[in-house]
Amino acid sequence: MSKKNKQEAGLTLKNSISGDLFEQLKEKKAELEKVESVKKEEDRLRKIEEKRQREKNKSFEELLNESNMNWKNFKD
């Protein structure tokens, strides 16, 4: 490698931009990660609520079909 190529290989984004701009980018990244985690948590809670609502609105037939009990054992 020539001397110029070695210098270019040693440069990173952090080295080529100002420190202030780099800090702004780091803050923006942290903010976006926080927003993403909040969205994931909201989505998780929404799915739990939807499941609860589906369970609440099941008919007797659906509940009976999902039951693990063998109803024939209770016949006389």
PDB file of N, CA and C in Angstrom:
ATOM      1  N   MET A   1       0.841  -1.185   0.000  1.00  0.00           N
ATOM      2  CA  MET A   1       0.000   0.000   0.000  1.00  0.00           C
ATOM      3  C   MET A   1       0.878   1.238   0.000  1.00  0.00           C
ATOM      4  N   SER A   2       0.401   2.209  -0.686  1.00  0.00           N
ATOM      5  CA  SER A   2       1.144   3.463  -0.678  1.00  0.00           C
ATOM      6  C   SER A   2       0.849   4.210   0.616  1.00  0.00           C
ATOM      7  N   LYS A   3       1.610   5.225   0.871  1.00  0.00           N
ATOM      8  CA  LYS A   3       1.461   6.002   2.096  1.00  0.00           C
ATOM      9  C   LYS A   3       0.076   6.649   2.159  1.00  0.00           C
ATOM     10  N   LYS A   4      -0.415   7.119   1.013  1.00  0.00           N
ATOM     11  CA  LYS A   4      -1.716   7.773   0.956  1.00  0.00           C
ATOM     12  C   LYS A   4      -2.841   6.782   1.300  1.00  0.00           C
ATOM     13  N   ASN A   5      -2.769   5.562   0.765  1.00  0.00           N
ATOM     14  CA  ASN A   5      -3.790   4.556   1.043  1.00  0.00           C
ATOM     15  C   ASN A   5      -3.801   4.163   2.514  1.00  0.00           C
ATOM     16  N   LYS A   6      -2.619   4.103   3.134  1.00  0.00           N
ATOM     17  CA  LYS A   6      -2.541   3.781   4.561  1.00  0.00           C
ATOM     18  C   LYS A   6      -3.214   4.879   5.381  1.00  0.00           C
ATOM     19  N   GLN A   7      -3.027   6.124   4.981  1.00  0.00           N
ATOM     20  CA  GLN A   7      -3.649   7.232   5.696  1.00  0.00           C
ATOM     21  C   GLN A   7      -5.164   7.165   5.554  1.00  0.00           C
ATOM     22  N   GLU A   8      -5.644   6.882   4.345  1.00  0.00           N
ATOM     23  CA  GLU A   8      -7.085   6.800   4.114  1.00  0.00           C
ATOM     24  C   GLU A   8      -7.685   5.626   4.890  1.00  0.00           C
ATOM     25  N   ALA A   9      -6.972   4.525   4.986  1.00  0.00           N
ATOM     26  CA  ALA A   9      -7.462   3.363   5.720  1.00  0.00           C
ATOM     27  C   ALA A   9      -7.542   3.682   7.210  1.00  0.00           C
ATOM     28  N   GLY A  10      -6.659   4.523   7.696  1.00  0.00           N
ATOM     29  CA  GLY A  10      -6.653   4.892   9.103  1.00  0.00           C
ATOM     30  C   GLY A  10      -7.741   5.882   9.462  1.00  0.00           C
ATOM     31  N   LEU A  11      -8.302   6.555   8.488  1.00  0.00           N
ATOM     32  CA  LEU A  11      -9.369   7.514   8.761  1.00  0.00           C
ATOM     33  C   LEU A  11     -10.680   6.789   9.029  1.00  0.00           C
ATOM     34  N   THR A  12     -11.376   7.278  10.002  1.00  0.00           N
ATOM     35  CA  THR A  12     -12.707   6.749  10.286  1.00  0.00           C
ATOM     36  C   THR A  12     -13.681   7.909  10.221  1.00  0.00           C
ATOM     37  N   LEU A  13     -14.943   7.595  10.285  1.00  0.00           N
ATOM     38  CA  LEU A  13     -15.957   8.641  10.269  1.00  0.00           C
ATOM     39  C   LEU A  13     -15.748   9.579  11.447  1.00  0.00           C
ATOM     40  N   LYS A  14     -15.414   9.008  12.588  1.00  0.00           N
ATOM     41  CA  LYS A  14     -15.194   9.821  13.788  1.00  0.00           C
ATOM     42  C   LYS A  14     -14.052  10.816  13.572  1.00  0.00           C
ATOM     43  N   ASN A  15     -12.999  10.366  12.884  1.00  0.00           N
ATOM     44  CA  ASN A  15     -11.853  11.240  12.650  1.00  0.00           C
ATOM     45  C   ASN A  15     -12.143  12.304  11.598  1.00  0.00           C
ATOM     46  N   SER A  16     -13.036  12.015  10.669  1.00  0.00           N
ATOM     47  CA  SER A  16     -13.250  12.936   9.561  1.00  0.00           C
ATOM     48  C   SER A  16     -14.320  13.988   9.829  1.00  0.00           C
ATOM     49  N   ILE A  17     -15.115  13.845  10.892  1.00  0.00           N
ATOM     50  CA  ILE A  17     -16.106  14.867  11.218  1.00  0.00           C
ATOM     51  C   ILE A  17     -15.731  15.531  12.528  1.00  0.00           C
ATOM     52  N   SER A  18     -16.326  16.665  12.754  1.00  0.00           N
ATOM     53  CA  SER A  18     -15.988  17.402  13.977  1.00  0.00           C
ATOM     54  C   SER A  18     -16.561  16.679  15.199  1.00  0.00           C
ATOM     55  N   GLY A  19     -15.959  16.924  16.333  1.00  0.00           N
ATOM     56  CA  GLY A  19     -16.384  16.281  17.573  1.00  0.00           C
ATOM     57  C   GLY A  19     -17.808  16.628  17.940  1.00  0.00           C
ATOM     58  N   ASP A  20     -18.203  17.879  17.675  1.00  0.00           N
ATOM     59  CA  ASP A  20     -19.557  18.318  18.001  1.00  0.00           C
ATOM     60  C   ASP A  20     -20.589  17.559  17.166  1.00  0.00           C
ATOM     61  N   LEU A  21     -20.311  17.416  15.889  1.00  0.00           N
ATOM     62  CA  LEU A  21     -21.210  16.700  15.003  1.00  0.00           C
ATOM     63  C   LEU A  21     -21.281  15.228  15.401  1.00  0.00           C
ATOM     64  N   PHE A  22     -20.149  14.656  15.768  1.00  0.00           N
ATOM     65  CA  PHE A  22     -20.113  13.257  16.200  1.00  0.00           C
ATOM     66  C   PHE A  22     -20.972  13.068  17.450  1.00  0.00           C
ATOM     67  N   GLU A  23     -20.900  13.988  18.395  1.00  0.00           N
ATOM     68  CA  GLU A  23     -21.710  13.909  19.614  1.00  0.00           C
ATOM     69  C   GLU A  23     -23.194  14.022  19.277  1.00  0.00           C
ATOM     70  N   GLN A  24     -23.545  14.897  18.346  1.00  0.00           N
ATOM     71  CA  GLN A  24     -24.946  15.032  17.933  1.00  0.00           C
ATOM     72  C   GLN A  24     -25.452  13.727  17.329  1.00  0.00           C
ATOM     73  N   LEU A  25     -24.608  13.088  16.521  1.00  0.00           N
ATOM     74  CA  LEU A  25     -24.996  11.823  15.909  1.00  0.00           C
ATOM     75  C   LEU A  25     -25.181  10.737  16.970  1.00  0.00           C
ATOM     76  N   LYS A  26     -24.295  10.716  17.965  1.00  0.00           N
ATOM     77  CA  LYS A  26     -24.421   9.736  19.046  1.00  0.00           C
ATOM     78  C   LYS A  26     -25.710   9.957  19.830  1.00  0.00           C
ATOM     79  N   GLU A  27     -26.048  11.224  20.090  1.00  0.00           N
ATOM     80  CA  GLU A  27     -27.278  11.537  20.816  1.00  0.00           C
ATOM     81  C   GLU A  27     -28.508  11.126  20.006  1.00  0.00           C
ATOM     82  N   LYS A  28     -28.470  11.385  18.708  1.00  0.00           N
ATOM     83  CA  LYS A  28     -29.582  11.017  17.834  1.00  0.00           C
ATOM     84  C   LYS A  28     -29.757   9.503  17.804  1.00  0.00           C
ATOM     85  N   LYS A  29     -28.640   8.773  17.750  1.00  0.00           N
ATOM     86  CA  LYS A  29     -28.694   7.312  17.753  1.00  0.00           C
ATOM     87  C   LYS A  29     -29.329   6.812  19.049  1.00  0.00           C
ATOM     88  N   ALA A  30     -28.914   7.374  20.178  1.00  0.00           N
ATOM     89  CA  ALA A  30     -29.469   6.969  21.469  1.00  0.00           C
ATOM     90  C   ALA A  30     -30.965   7.278  21.527  1.00  0.00           C
ATOM     91  N   GLU A  31     -31.350   8.428  20.998  1.00  0.00           N
ATOM     92  CA  GLU A  31     -32.765   8.817  20.977  1.00  0.00           C
ATOM     93  C   GLU A  31     -33.583   7.843  20.122  1.00  0.00           C
ATOM     94  N   LEU A  32     -33.057   7.484  18.952  1.00  0.00           N
ATOM     95  CA  LEU A  32     -33.760   6.557  18.072  1.00  0.00           C
ATOM     96  C   LEU A  32     -33.879   5.174  18.699  1.00  0.00           C
ATOM     97  N   GLU A  33     -32.833   4.737  19.399  1.00  0.00           N
ATOM     98  CA  GLU A  33     -32.886   3.446  20.074  1.00  0.00           C
ATOM     99  C   GLU A  33     -33.941   3.455  21.183  1.00  0.00           C
ATOM    100  N   LYS A  34     -34.044   4.578  21.894  1.00  0.00           N
ATOM    101  CA  LYS A  34     -35.036   4.704  22.950  1.00  0.00           C
ATOM    102  C   LYS A  34     -36.444   4.667  22.360  1.00  0.00           C
ATOM    103  N   VAL A  35     -36.663   5.381  21.264  1.00  0.00           N
ATOM    104  CA  VAL A  35     -37.967   5.393  20.600  1.00  0.00           C
ATOM    105  C   VAL A  35     -38.327   3.985  20.134  1.00  0.00           C
ATOM    106  N   GLU A  36     -37.349   3.276  19.580  1.00  0.00           N
ATOM    107  CA  GLU A  36     -37.587   1.914  19.103  1.00  0.00           C
ATOM    108  C   GLU A  36     -37.968   0.987  20.258  1.00  0.00           C
ATOM    109  N   SER A  37     -37.295   1.115  21.393  1.00  0.00           N
ATOM    110  CA  SER A  37     -37.620   0.257  22.531  1.00  0.00           C
ATOM    111  C   SER A  37     -39.013   0.579  23.073  1.00  0.00           C
ATOM    112  N   VAL A  38     -39.401   1.848  23.067  1.00  0.00           N
ATOM    113  CA  VAL A  38     -40.741   2.236  23.512  1.00  0.00           C
ATOM    114  C   VAL A  38     -41.791   1.651  22.566  1.00  0.00           C
ATOM    115  N   LYS A  39     -41.524   1.705  21.260  1.00  0.00           N
ATOM    116  CA  LYS A  39     -42.460   1.145  20.280  1.00  0.00           C
ATOM    117  C   LYS A  39     -42.622  -0.362  20.478  1.00  0.00           C
ATOM    118  N   LYS A  40     -41.517  -1.057  20.731  1.00  0.00           N
ATOM    119  CA  LYS A  40     -41.576  -2.499  20.941  1.00  0.00           C
ATOM    120  C   LYS A  40     -42.394  -2.825  22.184  1.00  0.00           C
ATOM    121  N   GLU A  41     -42.195  -2.060  23.247  1.00  0.00           N
ATOM    122  CA  GLU A  41     -42.935  -2.295  24.482  1.00  0.00           C
ATOM    123  C   GLU A  41     -44.425  -2.026  24.276  1.00  0.00           C
ATOM    124  N   GLU A  42     -44.762  -0.948  23.567  1.00  0.00           N
ATOM    125  CA  GLU A  42     -46.165  -0.648  23.278  1.00  0.00           C
ATOM    126  C   GLU A  42     -46.793  -1.748  22.435  1.00  0.00           C
ATOM    127  N   ASP A  43     -46.049  -2.256  21.471  1.00  0.00           N
ATOM    128  CA  ASP A  43     -46.547  -3.333  20.620  1.00  0.00           C
ATOM    129  C   ASP A  43     -46.782  -4.599  21.442  1.00  0.00           C
ATOM    130  N   ARG A  44     -45.868  -4.901  22.341  1.00  0.00           N
ATOM    131  CA  ARG A  44     -46.007  -6.075  23.202  1.00  0.00           C
ATOM    132  C   ARG A  44     -47.253  -5.952  24.081  1.00  0.00           C
ATOM    133  N   LEU A  45     -47.458  -4.774  24.658  1.00  0.00           N
ATOM    134  CA  LEU A  45     -48.620  -4.557  25.511  1.00  0.00           C
ATOM    135  C   LEU A  45     -49.917  -4.610  24.705  1.00  0.00           C
ATOM    136  N   ARG A  46     -49.903  -4.101  23.488  1.00  0.00           N
ATOM    137  CA  ARG A  46     -51.074  -4.129  22.624  1.00  0.00           C
ATOM    138  C   ARG A  46     -51.453  -5.569  22.293  1.00  0.00           C
ATOM    139  N   LYS A  47     -50.448  -6.389  21.993  1.00  0.00           N
ATOM    140  CA  LYS A  47     -50.715  -7.795  21.679  1.00  0.00           C
ATOM    141  C   LYS A  47     -51.291  -8.527  22.886  1.00  0.00           C
ATOM    142  N   ILE A  48     -50.784  -8.230  24.064  1.00  0.00           N
ATOM    143  CA  ILE A  48     -51.315  -8.848  25.282  1.00  0.00           C
ATOM    144  C   ILE A  48     -52.773  -8.457  25.474  1.00  0.00           C
ATOM    145  N   GLU A  49     -53.084  -7.183  25.270  1.00  0.00           N
ATOM    146  CA  GLU A  49     -54.458  -6.706  25.426  1.00  0.00           C
ATOM    147  C   GLU A  49     -55.384  -7.340  24.387  1.00  0.00           C
ATOM    148  N   GLU A  50     -54.917  -7.458  23.148  1.00  0.00           N
ATOM    149  CA  GLU A  50     -55.726  -8.096  22.109  1.00  0.00           C
ATOM    150  C   GLU A  50     -56.017  -9.552  22.461  1.00  0.00           C
ATOM    151  N   LYS A  51     -55.023 -10.254  22.971  1.00  0.00           N
ATOM    152  CA  LYS A  51     -55.209 -11.650  23.368  1.00  0.00           C
ATOM    153  C   LYS A  51     -56.222 -11.742  24.503  1.00  0.00           C
ATOM    154  N   ARG A  52     -56.130 -10.837  25.458  1.00  0.00           N
ATOM    155  CA  ARG A  52     -57.058 -10.820  26.586  1.00  0.00           C
ATOM    156  C   ARG A  52     -58.485 -10.583  26.096  1.00  0.00           C
ATOM    157  N   GLN A  53     -58.637  -9.660  25.153  1.00  0.00           N
ATOM    158  CA  GLN A  53     -59.963  -9.372  24.605  1.00  0.00           C
ATOM    159  C   GLN A  53     -60.531 -10.574  23.850  1.00  0.00           C
ATOM    160  N   ARG A  54     -59.671 -11.249  23.071  1.00  0.00           N
ATOM    161  CA  ARG A  54     -60.135 -12.446  22.346  1.00  0.00           C
ATOM    162  C   ARG A  54     -60.594 -13.511  23.327  1.00  0.00           C
ATOM    163  N   GLU A  55     -59.818 -13.729  24.396  1.00  0.00           N
ATOM    164  CA  GLU A  55     -60.188 -14.724  25.408  1.00  0.00           C
ATOM    165  C   GLU A  55     -61.513 -14.347  26.072  1.00  0.00           C
ATOM    166  N   LYS A  56     -61.683 -13.073  26.332  1.00  0.00           N
ATOM    167  CA  LYS A  56     -62.879 -12.597  27.007  1.00  0.00           C
ATOM    168  C   LYS A  56     -64.130 -12.798  26.143  1.00  0.00           C
ATOM    169  N   ASN A  57     -63.973 -12.694  24.842  1.00  0.00           N
ATOM    170  CA  ASN A  57     -65.116 -12.750  23.935  1.00  0.00           C
ATOM    171  C   ASN A  57     -65.371 -14.128  23.328  1.00  0.00           C
ATOM    172  N   LYS A  58     -64.701 -15.141  23.816  1.00  0.00           N
ATOM    173  CA  LYS A  58     -64.913 -16.487  23.278  1.00  0.00           C
ATOM    174  C   LYS A  58     -66.284 -17.016  23.683  1.00  0.00           C
ATOM    175  N   SER A  59     -66.864 -17.778  22.792  1.00  0.00           N
ATOM    176  CA  SER A  59     -68.155 -18.406  23.084  1.00  0.00           C
ATOM    177  C   SER A  59     -67.929 -19.641  23.949  1.00  0.00           C
ATOM    178  N   PHE A  60     -69.030 -20.144  24.499  1.00  0.00           N
ATOM    179  CA  PHE A  60     -68.945 -21.347  25.317  1.00  0.00           C
ATOM    180  C   PHE A  60     -68.410 -22.510  24.489  1.00  0.00           C
ATOM    181  N   GLU A  61     -68.844 -22.606  23.245  1.00  0.00           N
ATOM    182  CA  GLU A  61     -68.388 -23.690  22.372  1.00  0.00           C
ATOM    183  C   GLU A  61     -66.875 -23.636  22.169  1.00  0.00           C
ATOM    184  N   GLU A  62     -66.337 -22.447  21.942  1.00  0.00           N
ATOM    185  CA  GLU A  62     -64.882 -22.314  21.765  1.00  0.00           C
ATOM    186  C   GLU A  62     -64.141 -22.725  23.034  1.00  0.00           C
ATOM    187  N   LEU A  63     -64.647 -22.294  24.178  1.00  0.00           N
ATOM    188  CA  LEU A  63     -64.018 -22.657  25.447  1.00  0.00           C
ATOM    189  C   LEU A  63     -64.083 -24.163  25.677  1.00  0.00           C
ATOM    190  N   LEU A  64     -65.212 -24.745  25.345  1.00  0.00           N
ATOM    191  CA  LEU A  64     -65.391 -26.184  25.507  1.00  0.00           C
ATOM    192  C   LEU A  64     -64.440 -26.955  24.600  1.00  0.00           C
ATOM    193  N   ASN A  65     -64.298 -26.510  23.372  1.00  0.00           N
ATOM    194  CA  ASN A  65     -63.400 -27.177  22.421  1.00  0.00           C
ATOM    195  C   ASN A  65     -61.938 -27.080  22.836  1.00  0.00           C
ATOM    196  N   GLU A  66     -61.583 -26.006  23.509  1.00  0.00           N
ATOM    197  CA  GLU A  66     -60.192 -25.817  23.948  1.00  0.00           C
ATOM    198  C   GLU A  66     -59.895 -26.520  25.267  1.00  0.00           C
ATOM    199  N   SER A  67     -60.921 -26.970  25.945  1.00  0.00           N
ATOM    200  CA  SER A  67     -60.749 -27.597  27.248  1.00  0.00           C
ATOM    201  C   SER A  67     -59.989 -28.913  27.112  1.00  0.00           C
ATOM    202  N   ASN A  68     -59.144 -29.196  28.098  1.00  0.00           N
ATOM    203  CA  ASN A  68     -58.391 -30.451  28.122  1.00  0.00           C
ATOM    204  C   ASN A  68     -59.165 -31.581  28.791  1.00  0.00           C
ATOM    205  N   MET A  69     -60.261 -31.234  29.412  1.00  0.00           N
ATOM    206  CA  MET A  69     -61.044 -32.254  30.123  1.00  0.00           C
ATOM    207  C   MET A  69     -61.759 -33.152  29.125  1.00  0.00           C
ATOM    208  N   ASN A  70     -61.900 -34.394  29.532  1.00  0.00           N
ATOM    209  CA  ASN A  70     -62.655 -35.345  28.728  1.00  0.00           C
ATOM    210  C   ASN A  70     -64.063 -35.392  29.314  1.00  0.00           C
ATOM    211  N   TRP A  71     -65.007 -34.755  28.661  1.00  0.00           N
ATOM    212  CA  TRP A  71     -66.355 -34.618  29.193  1.00  0.00           C
ATOM    213  C   TRP A  71     -67.103 -35.954  29.222  1.00  0.00           C
ATOM    214  N   LYS A  72     -66.639 -36.920  28.489  1.00  0.00           N
ATOM    215  CA  LYS A  72     -67.305 -38.231  28.500  1.00  0.00           C
ATOM    216  C   LYS A  72     -67.134 -38.908  29.856  1.00  0.00           C
ATOM    217  N   ASN A  73     -66.106 -38.561  30.599  1.00  0.00           N
ATOM    218  CA  ASN A  73     -65.877 -39.138  31.923  1.00  0.00           C
ATOM    219  C   ASN A  73     -66.948 -38.701  32.921  1.00  0.00           C
ATOM    220  N   PHE A  74     -67.672 -37.632  32.641  1.00  0.00           N
ATOM    221  CA  PHE A  74     -68.647 -37.095  33.583  1.00  0.00           C
ATOM    222  C   PHE A  74     -70.065 -37.560  33.255  1.00  0.00           C
ATOM    223  N   LYS A  75     -70.221 -38.352  32.225  1.00  0.00           N
ATOM    224  CA  LYS A  75     -71.544 -38.880  31.879  1.00  0.00           C
ATOM    225  C   LYS A  75     -71.917 -39.989  32.862  1.00  0.00           C
ATOM    226  N   ASP A  76     -73.214 -40.156  33.065  1.00  0.00           N
ATOM    227  CA  ASP A  76     -73.685 -41.237  33.936  1.00  0.00           C
ATOM    228  C   ASP A  76     -73.822 -42.509  33.163  1.00  0.00           C
TER     229      ASP A  76
END
